[in-house]
Each structure stands twice: as C-alpha cells, then as structure tokens.
Amino acid sequence: MRIRSALAAVAATAALATGISITPAVADNRGDTSAAAWTPTTTLNNGPIRECYAASCDEVWRPGPGETVRWSHHAINPDSNNRWYYVQYVFGNGHPKTVYGWIYCGNVTAPC
C-alpha cells in the first residue's frame, strides 16, 4: 500500500513540476488508492503500460486486448498534447501481480 501511495505522490509531483493537469477518477483528498478510487476500463489493443506518459518511456507491461485495467487519474503529455491514464493492472493465476503505469488513451475504452 505504501508503494502505491508513493507512486501516486511521485506522479502528482511530476505533474505539478511540468505544469500537467491531472484529473482524478474519483475525488479523494486523502490520496487513497483503494478500489473506490479506481475506475475500470478495457484495453482495445496490445498497447503497453509505460513508466511515464510518453511513447518514448519504457514499457512496464503489455496487456492483451480486452483486458480490464483501472485508472485513477490522467495527464496530458505537453509535447504531443495527448491524454494518458495512470492505471493498475492485475494479472496471474494463483499468485496475482499488480503493475502500475501510464497507458495512452487510444489504447483503452476510457475517453480520449
């Protein structure tokens, strides 16, 4: 839980430092990353989850089409003026693993 909170804080700090607007999925003044703060969306293709909100950033994971990911907020890339969602993706049978990162809005059903 601390790692998720730290990642959210880093993302928010980076957004503030670069002047990027972040819109939460659900207003939560405590920075909570519980299930209520995450909005489900579906992947449309094989688009990757990345470390930051730019196509040049390293991939964290590449979910297949039709997978459910949950987003908490979005950011606008200042260089290309496109929207990216901060997502969590849970996968694996028996020993689930959760990854966090950014996915381009054109790769999910959430609005672009």
PDB file of N, CA and C in Angstrom:
ATOM      1  N   MET A   1       0.822  -1.184   0.000  1.00  0.00           N
ATOM      2  CA  MET A   1       0.000   0.000   0.000  1.00  0.00           C
ATOM      3  C   MET A   1       0.867   1.249   0.000  1.00  0.00           C
ATOM      4  N   ARG A   2       1.982   1.201   0.724  1.00  0.00           N
ATOM      5  CA  ARG A   2       2.874   2.353   0.765  1.00  0.00           C
ATOM      6  C   ARG A   2       3.483   2.628  -0.602  1.00  0.00           C
ATOM      7  N   ILE A   3       3.800   1.570  -1.343  1.00  0.00           N
ATOM      8  CA  ILE A   3       4.391   1.747  -2.669  1.00  0.00           C
ATOM      9  C   ILE A   3       3.407   2.450  -3.588  1.00  0.00           C
ATOM     10  N   ARG A   4       2.137   2.042  -3.563  1.00  0.00           N
ATOM     11  CA  ARG A   4       1.126   2.686  -4.405  1.00  0.00           C
ATOM     12  C   ARG A   4       0.971   4.153  -4.036  1.00  0.00           C
ATOM     13  N   SER A   5       0.956   4.448  -2.751  1.00  0.00           N
ATOM     14  CA  SER A   5       0.840   5.838  -2.314  1.00  0.00           C
ATOM     15  C   SER A   5       2.058   6.642  -2.756  1.00  0.00           C
ATOM     16  N   ALA A   6       3.235   6.030  -2.652  1.00  0.00           N
ATOM     17  CA  ALA A   6       4.458   6.712  -3.075  1.00  0.00           C
ATOM     18  C   ALA A   6       4.454   6.968  -4.575  1.00  0.00           C
ATOM     19  N   LEU A   7       4.010   5.972  -5.357  1.00  0.00           N
ATOM     20  CA  LEU A   7       3.934   6.151  -6.807  1.00  0.00           C
ATOM     21  C   LEU A   7       2.954   7.247  -7.180  1.00  0.00           C
ATOM     22  N   ALA A   8       1.820   7.295  -6.517  1.00  0.00           N
ATOM     23  CA  ALA A   8       0.835   8.338  -6.793  1.00  0.00           C
ATOM     24  C   ALA A   8       1.396   9.706  -6.441  1.00  0.00           C
ATOM     25  N   ALA A   9       2.136   9.790  -5.328  1.00  0.00           N
ATOM     26  CA  ALA A   9       2.739  11.060  -4.931  1.00  0.00           C
ATOM     27  C   ALA A   9       3.796  11.495  -5.930  1.00  0.00           C
ATOM     28  N   VAL A  10       4.605  10.570  -6.421  1.00  0.00           N
ATOM     29  CA  VAL A  10       5.629  10.891  -7.422  1.00  0.00           C
ATOM     30  C   VAL A  10       4.973  11.390  -8.695  1.00  0.00           C
ATOM     31  N   ALA A  11       3.912  10.719  -9.135  1.00  0.00           N
ATOM     32  CA  ALA A  11       3.202  11.131 -10.353  1.00  0.00           C
ATOM     33  C   ALA A  11       2.621  12.518 -10.197  1.00  0.00           C
ATOM     34  N   ALA A  12       2.022  12.800  -9.045  1.00  0.00           N
ATOM     35  CA  ALA A  12       1.438  14.116  -8.807  1.00  0.00           C
ATOM     36  C   ALA A  12       2.507  15.196  -8.763  1.00  0.00           C
ATOM     37  N   THR A  13       3.641  14.910  -8.106  1.00  0.00           N
ATOM     38  CA  THR A  13       4.733  15.872  -8.035  1.00  0.00           C
ATOM     39  C   THR A  13       5.304  16.153  -9.415  1.00  0.00           C
ATOM     40  N   ALA A  14       5.484  15.107 -10.213  1.00  0.00           N
ATOM     41  CA  ALA A  14       5.998  15.286 -11.580  1.00  0.00           C
ATOM     42  C   ALA A  14       5.030  16.107 -12.406  1.00  0.00           C
ATOM     43  N   ALA A  15       3.754  15.870 -12.241  1.00  0.00           N
ATOM     44  CA  ALA A  15       2.757  16.626 -12.994  1.00  0.00           C
ATOM     45  C   ALA A  15       2.782  18.096 -12.608  1.00  0.00           C
ATOM     46  N   LEU A  16       2.898  18.370 -11.311  1.00  0.00           N
ATOM     47  CA  LEU A  16       2.964  19.755 -10.865  1.00  0.00           C
ATOM     48  C   LEU A  16       4.221  20.449 -11.372  1.00  0.00           C
ATOM     49  N   ALA A  17       5.333  19.730 -11.355  1.00  0.00           N
ATOM     50  CA  ALA A  17       6.598  20.309 -11.792  1.00  0.00           C
ATOM     51  C   ALA A  17       6.601  20.636 -13.281  1.00  0.00           C
ATOM     52  N   THR A  18       5.849  19.878 -14.065  1.00  0.00           N
ATOM     53  CA  THR A  18       5.834  20.101 -15.513  1.00  0.00           C
ATOM     54  C   THR A  18       4.607  20.867 -15.979  1.00  0.00           C
ATOM     55  N   GLY A  19       3.727  21.240 -15.045  1.00  0.00           N
ATOM     56  CA  GLY A  19       2.546  22.004 -15.410  1.00  0.00           C
ATOM     57  C   GLY A  19       1.460  21.177 -16.070  1.00  0.00           C
ATOM     58  N   ILE A  20       1.454  19.872 -15.834  1.00  0.00           N
ATOM     59  CA  ILE A  20       0.471  18.978 -16.449  1.00  0.00           C
ATOM     60  C   ILE A  20      -0.746  18.885 -15.551  1.00  0.00           C
ATOM     61  N   SER A  21      -1.921  18.907 -16.162  1.00  0.00           N
ATOM     62  CA  SER A  21      -3.140  18.783 -15.371  1.00  0.00           C
ATOM     63  C   SER A  21      -3.458  17.318 -15.123  1.00  0.00           C
ATOM     64  N   ILE A  22      -3.856  17.027 -13.903  1.00  0.00           N
ATOM     65  CA  ILE A  22      -4.253  15.674 -13.531  1.00  0.00           C
ATOM     66  C   ILE A  22      -5.685  15.742 -13.029  1.00  0.00           C
ATOM     67  N   THR A  23      -6.512  14.855 -13.560  1.00  0.00           N
ATOM     68  CA  THR A  23      -7.914  14.802 -13.162  1.00  0.00           C
ATOM     69  C   THR A  23      -8.175  13.458 -12.495  1.00  0.00           C
ATOM     70  N   PRO A  24      -8.583  13.454 -11.217  1.00  0.00           N
ATOM     71  CA  PRO A  24      -8.847  12.180 -10.546  1.00  0.00           C
ATOM     72  C   PRO A  24     -10.120  11.524 -11.056  1.00  0.00           C
ATOM     73  N   ALA A  25     -10.140  10.203 -11.015  1.00  0.00           N
ATOM     74  CA  ALA A  25     -11.344   9.469 -11.397  1.00  0.00           C
ATOM     75  C   ALA A  25     -12.439   9.705 -10.366  1.00  0.00           C
ATOM     76  N   VAL A  26     -12.069   9.713  -9.106  1.00  0.00           N
ATOM     77  CA  VAL A  26     -12.984   9.969  -8.010  1.00  0.00           C
ATOM     78  C   VAL A  26     -12.272  10.923  -7.061  1.00  0.00           C
ATOM     79  N   ALA A  27     -12.932  11.993  -6.683  1.00  0.00           N
ATOM     80  CA  ALA A  27     -12.300  12.952  -5.774  1.00  0.00           C
ATOM     81  C   ALA A  27     -11.966  12.266  -4.459  1.00  0.00           C
ATOM     82  N   ASP A  28     -10.724  12.371  -4.034  1.00  0.00           N
ATOM     83  CA  ASP A  28     -10.277  11.748  -2.794  1.00  0.00           C
ATOM     84  C   ASP A  28      -9.130  12.586  -2.259  1.00  0.00           C
ATOM     85  N   ASN A  29      -9.399  13.387  -1.247  1.00  0.00           N
ATOM     86  CA  ASN A  29      -8.398  14.298  -0.709  1.00  0.00           C
ATOM     87  C   ASN A  29      -7.318  13.610   0.097  1.00  0.00           C
ATOM     88  N   ARG A  30      -7.515  12.334   0.431  1.00  0.00           N
ATOM     89  CA  ARG A  30      -6.535  11.616   1.235  1.00  0.00           C
ATOM     90  C   ARG A  30      -5.497  10.903   0.385  1.00  0.00           C
ATOM     91  N   GLY A  31      -5.631  10.901  -0.946  1.00  0.00           N
ATOM     92  CA  GLY A  31      -4.694  10.187  -1.793  1.00  0.00           C
ATOM     93  C   GLY A  31      -4.878   8.683  -1.713  1.00  0.00           C
ATOM     94  N   ASP A  32      -6.068   8.233  -1.348  1.00  0.00           N
ATOM     95  CA  ASP A  32      -6.353   6.813  -1.182  1.00  0.00           C
ATOM     96  C   ASP A  32      -6.284   6.091  -2.524  1.00  0.00           C
ATOM     97  N   THR A  33      -5.712   4.900  -2.549  1.00  0.00           N
ATOM     98  CA  THR A  33      -5.662   4.097  -3.771  1.00  0.00           C
ATOM     99  C   THR A  33      -6.529   2.855  -3.631  1.00  0.00           C
ATOM    100  N   SER A  34      -7.558   2.922  -2.802  1.00  0.00           N
ATOM    101  CA  SER A  34      -8.455   1.784  -2.636  1.00  0.00           C
ATOM    102  C   SER A  34      -9.274   1.577  -3.907  1.00  0.00           C
ATOM    103  N   ALA A  35     -10.003   0.468  -3.950  1.00  0.00           N
ATOM    104  CA  ALA A  35     -10.789   0.128  -5.131  1.00  0.00           C
ATOM    105  C   ALA A  35     -11.769   1.227  -5.498  1.00  0.00           C
ATOM    106  N   ALA A  36     -12.285   1.981  -4.526  1.00  0.00           N
ATOM    107  CA  ALA A  36     -13.246   3.042  -4.814  1.00  0.00           C
ATOM    108  C   ALA A  36     -12.612   4.185  -5.603  1.00  0.00           C
ATOM    109  N   ALA A  37     -11.293   4.324  -5.548  1.00  0.00           N
ATOM    110  CA  ALA A  37     -10.612   5.413  -6.235  1.00  0.00           C
ATOM    111  C   ALA A  37     -10.190   5.041  -7.655  1.00  0.00           C
ATOM    112  N   TRP A  38     -10.461   3.832  -8.094  1.00  0.00           N
ATOM    113  CA  TRP A  38     -10.038   3.362  -9.408  1.00  0.00           C
ATOM    114  C   TRP A  38     -11.258   3.083 -10.291  1.00  0.00           C
ATOM    115  N   THR A  39     -11.228   3.544 -11.533  1.00  0.00           N
ATOM    116  CA  THR A  39     -12.323   3.361 -12.478  1.00  0.00           C
ATOM    117  C   THR A  39     -11.917   2.325 -13.519  1.00  0.00           C
ATOM    118  N   PRO A  40     -12.718   1.266 -13.710  1.00  0.00           N
ATOM    119  CA  PRO A  40     -12.338   0.245 -14.688  1.00  0.00           C
ATOM    120  C   PRO A  40     -12.515   0.728 -16.131  1.00  0.00           C
ATOM    121  N   THR A  41     -11.637   0.256 -16.994  1.00  0.00           N
ATOM    122  CA  THR A  41     -11.722   0.467 -18.430  1.00  0.00           C
ATOM    123  C   THR A  41     -11.151  -0.791 -19.091  1.00  0.00           C
ATOM    124  N   THR A  42     -11.364  -0.930 -20.388  1.00  0.00           N
ATOM    125  CA  THR A  42     -10.932  -2.128 -21.106  1.00  0.00           C
ATOM    126  C   THR A  42      -9.903  -1.763 -22.157  1.00  0.00           C
ATOM    127  N   THR A  43      -8.879  -2.606 -22.308  1.00  0.00           N
ATOM    128  CA  THR A  43      -7.870  -2.363 -23.337  1.00  0.00           C
ATOM    129  C   THR A  43      -8.457  -2.692 -24.708  1.00  0.00           C
ATOM    130  N   LEU A  44      -8.095  -1.884 -25.700  1.00  0.00           N
ATOM    131  CA  LEU A  44      -8.611  -2.064 -27.051  1.00  0.00           C
ATOM    132  C   LEU A  44      -7.668  -2.862 -27.941  1.00  0.00           C
ATOM    133  N   ASN A  45      -6.401  -2.810 -27.651  1.00  0.00           N
ATOM    134  CA  ASN A  45      -5.403  -3.474 -28.492  1.00  0.00           C
ATOM    135  C   ASN A  45      -4.254  -3.940 -27.606  1.00  0.00           C
ATOM    136  N   ASN A  46      -3.118  -4.095 -28.165  1.00  0.00           N
ATOM    137  CA  ASN A  46      -1.959  -4.585 -27.425  1.00  0.00           C
ATOM    138  C   ASN A  46      -1.059  -3.429 -26.964  1.00  0.00           C
ATOM    139  N   GLY A  47      -1.668  -2.264 -26.686  1.00  0.00           N
ATOM    140  CA  GLY A  47      -0.897  -1.091 -26.273  1.00  0.00           C
ATOM    141  C   GLY A  47      -0.257  -1.275 -24.913  1.00  0.00           C
ATOM    142  N   PRO A  48       0.970  -0.797 -24.734  1.00  0.00           N
ATOM    143  CA  PRO A  48       1.701  -1.025 -23.485  1.00  0.00           C
ATOM    144  C   PRO A  48       1.335  -0.058 -22.365  1.00  0.00           C
ATOM    145  N   ILE A  49       1.563  -0.514 -21.150  1.00  0.00           N
ATOM    146  CA  ILE A  49       1.573   0.348 -19.973  1.00  0.00           C
ATOM    147  C   ILE A  49       3.022   0.815 -19.840  1.00  0.00           C
ATOM    148  N   ARG A  50       3.228   2.117 -19.690  1.00  0.00           N
ATOM    149  CA  ARG A  50       4.583   2.687 -19.667  1.00  0.00           C
ATOM    150  C   ARG A  50       4.913   3.325 -18.316  1.00  0.00           C
ATOM    151  N   GLU A  51       6.199   3.574 -18.092  1.00  0.00           N
ATOM    152  CA  GLU A  51       6.666   4.182 -16.847  1.00  0.00           C
ATOM    153  C   GLU A  51       6.237   5.636 -16.710  1.00  0.00           C
ATOM    154  N   CYS A  52       6.064   6.327 -17.813  1.00  0.00           N
ATOM    155  CA  CYS A  52       5.621   7.716 -17.783  1.00  0.00           C
ATOM    156  C   CYS A  52       4.658   7.945 -18.947  1.00  0.00           C
ATOM    157  N   TYR A  53       4.117   9.137 -19.063  1.00  0.00           N
ATOM    158  CA  TYR A  53       3.088   9.394 -20.067  1.00  0.00           C
ATOM    159  C   TYR A  53       3.667   9.957 -21.365  1.00  0.00           C
ATOM    160  N   ALA A  54       4.518   9.140 -21.999  1.00  0.00           N
ATOM    161  CA  ALA A  54       5.087   9.454 -23.309  1.00  0.00           C
ATOM    162  C   ALA A  54       5.439   8.148 -24.014  1.00  0.00           C
ATOM    163  N   ALA A  55       5.319   8.137 -25.328  1.00  0.00           N
ATOM    164  CA  ALA A  55       5.608   6.928 -26.105  1.00  0.00           C
ATOM    165  C   ALA A  55       7.074   6.513 -25.992  1.00  0.00           C
ATOM    166  N   SER A  56       7.942   7.438 -25.639  1.00  0.00           N
ATOM    167  CA  SER A  56       9.372   7.135 -25.515  1.00  0.00           C
ATOM    168  C   SER A  56       9.733   6.478 -24.185  1.00  0.00           C
ATOM    169  N   CYS A  57       8.813   6.403 -23.242  1.00  0.00           N
ATOM    170  CA  CYS A  57       9.089   5.812 -21.927  1.00  0.00           C
ATOM    171  C   CYS A  57       9.115   4.292 -22.007  1.00  0.00           C
ATOM    172  N   ASP A  58       9.857   3.686 -21.101  1.00  0.00           N
ATOM    173  CA  ASP A  58       9.969   2.224 -21.060  1.00  0.00           C
ATOM    174  C   ASP A  58       8.628   1.573 -20.743  1.00  0.00           C
ATOM    175  N   GLU A  59       8.435   0.379 -21.305  1.00  0.00           N
ATOM    176  CA  GLU A  59       7.235  -0.399 -21.031  1.00  0.00           C
ATOM    177  C   GLU A  59       7.325  -1.052 -19.656  1.00  0.00           C
ATOM    178  N   VAL A  60       6.198  -1.063 -18.942  1.00  0.00           N
ATOM    179  CA  VAL A  60       6.072  -1.777 -17.676  1.00  0.00           C
ATOM    180  C   VAL A  60       5.480  -3.154 -17.945  1.00  0.00           C
ATOM    181  N   TRP A  61       4.423  -3.174 -18.770  1.00  0.00           N
ATOM    182  CA  TRP A  61       3.739  -4.413 -19.120  1.00  0.00           C
ATOM    183  C   TRP A  61       2.908  -4.150 -20.364  1.00  0.00           C
ATOM    184  N   ARG A  62       2.573  -5.223 -21.078  1.00  0.00           N
ATOM    185  CA  ARG A  62       1.757  -5.106 -22.283  1.00  0.00           C
ATOM    186  C   ARG A  62       0.559  -6.050 -22.164  1.00  0.00           C
ATOM    187  N   PRO A  63      -0.577  -5.538 -21.651  1.00  0.00           N
ATOM    188  CA  PRO A  63      -1.762  -6.396 -21.567  1.00  0.00           C
ATOM    189  C   PRO A  63      -2.346  -6.636 -22.956  1.00  0.00           C
ATOM    190  N   GLY A  64      -3.027  -7.733 -23.123  1.00  0.00           N
ATOM    191  CA  GLY A  64      -3.654  -8.037 -24.404  1.00  0.00           C
ATOM    192  C   GLY A  64      -4.960  -7.278 -24.573  1.00  0.00           C
ATOM    193  N   PRO A  65      -5.557  -7.353 -25.755  1.00  0.00           N
ATOM    194  CA  PRO A  65      -6.837  -6.685 -25.983  1.00  0.00           C
ATOM    195  C   PRO A  65      -7.948  -7.310 -25.142  1.00  0.00           C
ATOM    196  N   GLY A  66      -8.866  -6.467 -24.672  1.00  0.00           N
ATOM    197  CA  GLY A  66      -9.996  -6.937 -23.882  1.00  0.00           C
ATOM    198  C   GLY A  66      -9.714  -7.132 -22.407  1.00  0.00           C
ATOM    199  N   GLU A  67      -8.536  -6.741 -21.951  1.00  0.00           N
ATOM    200  CA  GLU A  67      -8.178  -6.860 -20.532  1.00  0.00           C
ATOM    201  C   GLU A  67      -8.746  -5.679 -19.749  1.00  0.00           C
ATOM    202  N   THR A  68      -9.048  -5.904 -18.477  1.00  0.00           N
ATOM    203  CA  THR A  68      -9.518  -4.822 -17.617  1.00  0.00           C
ATOM    204  C   THR A  68      -8.333  -4.191 -16.906  1.00  0.00           C
ATOM    205  N   VAL A  69      -8.218  -2.878 -17.020  1.00  0.00           N
ATOM    206  CA  VAL A  69      -7.268  -2.090 -16.241  1.00  0.00           C
ATOM    207  C   VAL A  69      -8.098  -1.044 -15.502  1.00  0.00           C
ATOM    208  N   ARG A  70      -7.565  -0.517 -14.424  1.00  0.00           N
ATOM    209  CA  ARG A  70      -8.273   0.506 -13.664  1.00  0.00           C
ATOM    210  C   ARG A  70      -7.431   1.769 -13.632  1.00  0.00           C
ATOM    211  N   TRP A  71      -8.080   2.916 -13.868  1.00  0.00           N
ATOM    212  CA  TRP A  71      -7.350   4.188 -13.866  1.00  0.00           C
ATOM    213  C   TRP A  71      -7.777   5.067 -12.700  1.00  0.00           C
ATOM    214  N   SER A  72      -6.837   5.871 -12.210  1.00  0.00           N
ATOM    215  CA  SER A  72      -7.132   6.751 -11.081  1.00  0.00           C
ATOM    216  C   SER A  72      -7.115   8.222 -11.487  1.00  0.00           C
ATOM    217  N   HIS A  73      -6.302   8.577 -12.477  1.00  0.00           N
ATOM    218  CA  HIS A  73      -6.224   9.958 -12.958  1.00  0.00           C
ATOM    219  C   HIS A  73      -5.579   9.964 -14.335  1.00  0.00           C
ATOM    220  N   HIS A  74      -5.611  11.117 -14.988  1.00  0.00           N
ATOM    221  CA  HIS A  74      -4.961  11.207 -16.294  1.00  0.00           C
ATOM    222  C   HIS A  74      -4.065  12.431 -16.335  1.00  0.00           C
ATOM    223  N   ALA A  75      -3.183  12.437 -17.328  1.00  0.00           N
ATOM    224  CA  ALA A  75      -2.286  13.573 -17.550  1.00  0.00           C
ATOM    225  C   ALA A  75      -2.218  13.838 -19.047  1.00  0.00           C
ATOM    226  N   ILE A  76      -1.923  15.073 -19.395  1.00  0.00           N
ATOM    227  CA  ILE A  76      -1.761  15.463 -20.791  1.00  0.00           C
ATOM    228  C   ILE A  76      -0.269  15.607 -21.065  1.00  0.00           C
ATOM    229  N   ASN A  77       0.230  14.874 -22.057  1.00  0.00           N
ATOM    230  CA  ASN A  77       1.627  14.977 -22.455  1.00  0.00           C
ATOM    231  C   ASN A  77       1.832  16.342 -23.117  1.00  0.00           C
ATOM    232  N   PRO A  78       2.715  17.178 -22.581  1.00  0.00           N
ATOM    233  CA  PRO A  78       2.865  18.531 -23.113  1.00  0.00           C
ATOM    234  C   PRO A  78       3.482  18.585 -24.517  1.00  0.00           C
ATOM    235  N   ASP A  79       4.277  17.576 -24.886  1.00  0.00           N
ATOM    236  CA  ASP A  79       4.920  17.577 -26.202  1.00  0.00           C
ATOM    237  C   ASP A  79       3.956  17.190 -27.316  1.00  0.00           C
ATOM    238  N   SER A  80       3.096  16.218 -27.061  1.00  0.00           N
ATOM    239  CA  SER A  80       2.186  15.744 -28.106  1.00  0.00           C
ATOM    240  C   SER A  80       0.724  16.101 -27.832  1.00  0.00           C
ATOM    241  N   ASN A  81       0.461  16.702 -26.666  1.00  0.00           N
ATOM    242  CA  ASN A  81      -0.881  17.139 -26.281  1.00  0.00           C
ATOM    243  C   ASN A  81      -1.894  16.002 -26.343  1.00  0.00           C
ATOM    244  N   ASN A  82      -1.496  14.820 -25.863  1.00  0.00           N
ATOM    245  CA  ASN A  82      -2.432  13.694 -25.818  1.00  0.00           C
ATOM    246  C   ASN A  82      -2.614  13.215 -24.379  1.00  0.00           C
ATOM    247  N   ARG A  83      -3.698  12.505 -24.150  1.00  0.00           N
ATOM    248  CA  ARG A  83      -4.088  12.074 -22.807  1.00  0.00           C
ATOM    249  C   ARG A  83      -3.546  10.683 -22.505  1.00  0.00           C
ATOM    250  N   TRP A  84      -3.053  10.526 -21.276  1.00  0.00           N
ATOM    251  CA  TRP A  84      -2.575   9.240 -20.761  1.00  0.00           C
ATOM    252  C   TRP A  84      -3.250   8.989 -19.423  1.00  0.00           C
ATOM    253  N   TYR A  85      -3.607   7.733 -19.166  1.00  0.00           N
ATOM    254  CA  TYR A  85      -4.239   7.342 -17.911  1.00  0.00           C
ATOM    255  C   TYR A  85      -3.242   6.606 -17.032  1.00  0.00           C
ATOM    256  N   TYR A  86      -3.253   6.948 -15.730  1.00  0.00           N
ATOM    257  CA  TYR A  86      -2.454   6.209 -14.756  1.00  0.00           C
ATOM    258  C   TYR A  86      -3.277   4.998 -14.360  1.00  0.00           C
ATOM    259  N   VAL A  87      -2.748   3.796 -14.606  1.00  0.00           N
ATOM    260  CA  VAL A  87      -3.522   2.572 -14.434  1.00  0.00           C
ATOM    261  C   VAL A  87      -2.847   1.570 -13.508  1.00  0.00           C
ATOM    262  N   GLN A  88      -3.687   0.660 -13.003  1.00  0.00           N
ATOM    263  CA  GLN A  88      -3.203  -0.528 -12.319  1.00  0.00           C
ATOM    264  C   GLN A  88      -3.750  -1.715 -13.106  1.00  0.00           C
ATOM    265  N   TYR A  89      -2.932  -2.734 -13.238  1.00  0.00           N
ATOM    266  CA  TYR A  89      -3.322  -3.937 -13.972  1.00  0.00           C
ATOM    267  C   TYR A  89      -2.947  -5.140 -13.127  1.00  0.00           C
ATOM    268  N   VAL A  90      -3.915  -6.007 -12.845  1.00  0.00           N
ATOM    269  CA  VAL A  90      -3.701  -7.204 -12.035  1.00  0.00           C
ATOM    270  C   VAL A  90      -3.779  -8.411 -12.951  1.00  0.00           C
ATOM    271  N   PHE A  91      -2.784  -9.297 -12.860  1.00  0.00           N
ATOM    272  CA  PHE A  91      -2.762 -10.491 -13.705  1.00  0.00           C
ATOM    273  C   PHE A  91      -2.121 -11.644 -12.946  1.00  0.00           C
ATOM    274  N   GLY A  92      -2.270 -12.851 -13.488  1.00  0.00           N
ATOM    275  CA  GLY A  92      -1.651 -14.041 -12.907  1.00  0.00           C
ATOM    276  C   GLY A  92      -2.638 -14.869 -12.108  1.00  0.00           C
ATOM    277  N   ASN A  93      -2.534 -16.166 -12.261  1.00  0.00           N
ATOM    278  CA  ASN A  93      -3.376 -17.102 -11.520  1.00  0.00           C
ATOM    279  C   ASN A  93      -2.605 -17.650 -10.330  1.00  0.00           C
ATOM    280  N   GLY A  94      -3.267 -17.751  -9.195  1.00  0.00           N
ATOM    281  CA  GLY A  94      -2.629 -18.299  -8.005  1.00  0.00           C
ATOM    282  C   GLY A  94      -1.815 -17.277  -7.247  1.00  0.00           C
ATOM    283  N   HIS A  95      -0.949 -16.563  -7.936  1.00  0.00           N
ATOM    284  CA  HIS A  95      -0.104 -15.537  -7.326  1.00  0.00           C
ATOM    285  C   HIS A  95      -0.246 -14.256  -8.142  1.00  0.00           C
ATOM    286  N   PRO A  96      -1.354 -13.525  -7.954  1.00  0.00           N
ATOM    287  CA  PRO A  96      -1.576 -12.330  -8.764  1.00  0.00           C
ATOM    288  C   PRO A  96      -0.484 -11.285  -8.572  1.00  0.00           C
ATOM    289  N   LYS A  97      -0.228 -10.571  -9.633  1.00  0.00           N
ATOM    290  CA  LYS A  97       0.751  -9.493  -9.614  1.00  0.00           C
ATOM    291  C   LYS A  97       0.049  -8.232 -10.082  1.00  0.00           C
ATOM    292  N   THR A  98       0.386  -7.099  -9.496  1.00  0.00           N
ATOM    293  CA  THR A  98      -0.194  -5.818  -9.883  1.00  0.00           C
ATOM    294  C   THR A  98       0.916  -4.917 -10.399  1.00  0.00           C
ATOM    295  N   VAL A  99       0.688  -4.327 -11.575  1.00  0.00           N
ATOM    296  CA  VAL A  99       1.625  -3.350 -12.113  1.00  0.00           C
ATOM    297  C   VAL A  99       0.908  -2.003 -12.228  1.00  0.00           C
ATOM    298  N   TYR A 100       1.685  -0.945 -12.153  1.00  0.00           N
ATOM    299  CA  TYR A 100       1.174   0.419 -12.262  1.00  0.00           C
ATOM    300  C   TYR A 100       1.956   1.146 -13.337  1.00  0.00           C
ATOM    301  N   GLY A 101       1.302   2.056 -14.027  1.00  0.00           N
ATOM    302  CA  GLY A 101       1.975   2.858 -15.032  1.00  0.00           C
ATOM    303  C   GLY A 101       0.970   3.667 -15.827  1.00  0.00           C
ATOM    304  N   TRP A 102       1.425   4.163 -16.977  1.00  0.00           N
ATOM    305  CA  TRP A 102       0.622   5.047 -17.819  1.00  0.00           C
ATOM    306  C   TRP A 102       0.281   4.353 -19.132  1.00  0.00           C
ATOM    307  N   ILE A 103      -0.968   4.528 -19.593  1.00  0.00           N
ATOM    308  CA  ILE A 103      -1.385   3.959 -20.872  1.00  0.00           C
ATOM    309  C   ILE A 103      -2.038   5.064 -21.703  1.00  0.00           C
ATOM    310  N   TYR A 104      -1.716   5.100 -22.978  1.00  0.00           N
ATOM    311  CA  TYR A 104      -2.267   6.096 -23.895  1.00  0.00           C
ATOM    312  C   TYR A 104      -3.775   5.905 -24.017  1.00  0.00           C
ATOM    313  N   CYS A 105      -4.530   6.975 -24.057  1.00  0.00           N
ATOM    314  CA  CYS A 105      -5.996   6.895 -24.062  1.00  0.00           C
ATOM    315  C   CYS A 105      -6.535   6.156 -25.284  1.00  0.00           C
ATOM    316  N   GLY A 106      -5.825   6.146 -26.389  1.00  0.00           N
ATOM    317  CA  GLY A 106      -6.274   5.425 -27.576  1.00  0.00           C
ATOM    318  C   GLY A 106      -6.171   3.914 -27.439  1.00  0.00           C
ATOM    319  N   ASN A 107      -5.562   3.459 -26.358  1.00  0.00           N
ATOM    320  CA  ASN A 107      -5.411   2.014 -26.133  1.00  0.00           C
ATOM    321  C   ASN A 107      -6.433   1.453 -25.153  1.00  0.00           C
ATOM    322  N   VAL A 108      -7.348   2.306 -24.651  1.00  0.00           N
ATOM    323  CA  VAL A 108      -8.387   1.866 -23.712  1.00  0.00           C
ATOM    324  C   VAL A 108      -9.738   2.472 -24.101  1.00  0.00           C
ATOM    325  N   THR A 109     -10.801   1.937 -23.495  1.00  0.00           N
ATOM    326  CA  THR A 109     -12.140   2.441 -23.817  1.00  0.00           C
ATOM    327  C   THR A 109     -12.480   3.733 -23.091  1.00  0.00           C
ATOM    328  N   ALA A 110     -11.694   4.151 -22.116  1.00  0.00           N
ATOM    329  CA  ALA A 110     -11.927   5.431 -21.445  1.00  0.00           C
ATOM    330  C   ALA A 110     -11.796   6.560 -22.485  1.00  0.00           C
ATOM    331  N   PRO A 111     -12.466   7.679 -22.266  1.00  0.00           N
ATOM    332  CA  PRO A 111     -12.478   8.730 -23.294  1.00  0.00           C
ATOM    333  C   PRO A 111     -11.105   9.337 -23.579  1.00  0.00           C
ATOM    334  N   CYS A 112     -10.906   9.638 -24.830  1.00  0.00           N
ATOM    335  CA  CYS A 112      -9.674  10.302 -25.278  1.00  0.00           C
ATOM    336  C   CYS A 112      -9.996  11.756 -25.420  1.00  0.00           C
TER     337      CYS A 112
END
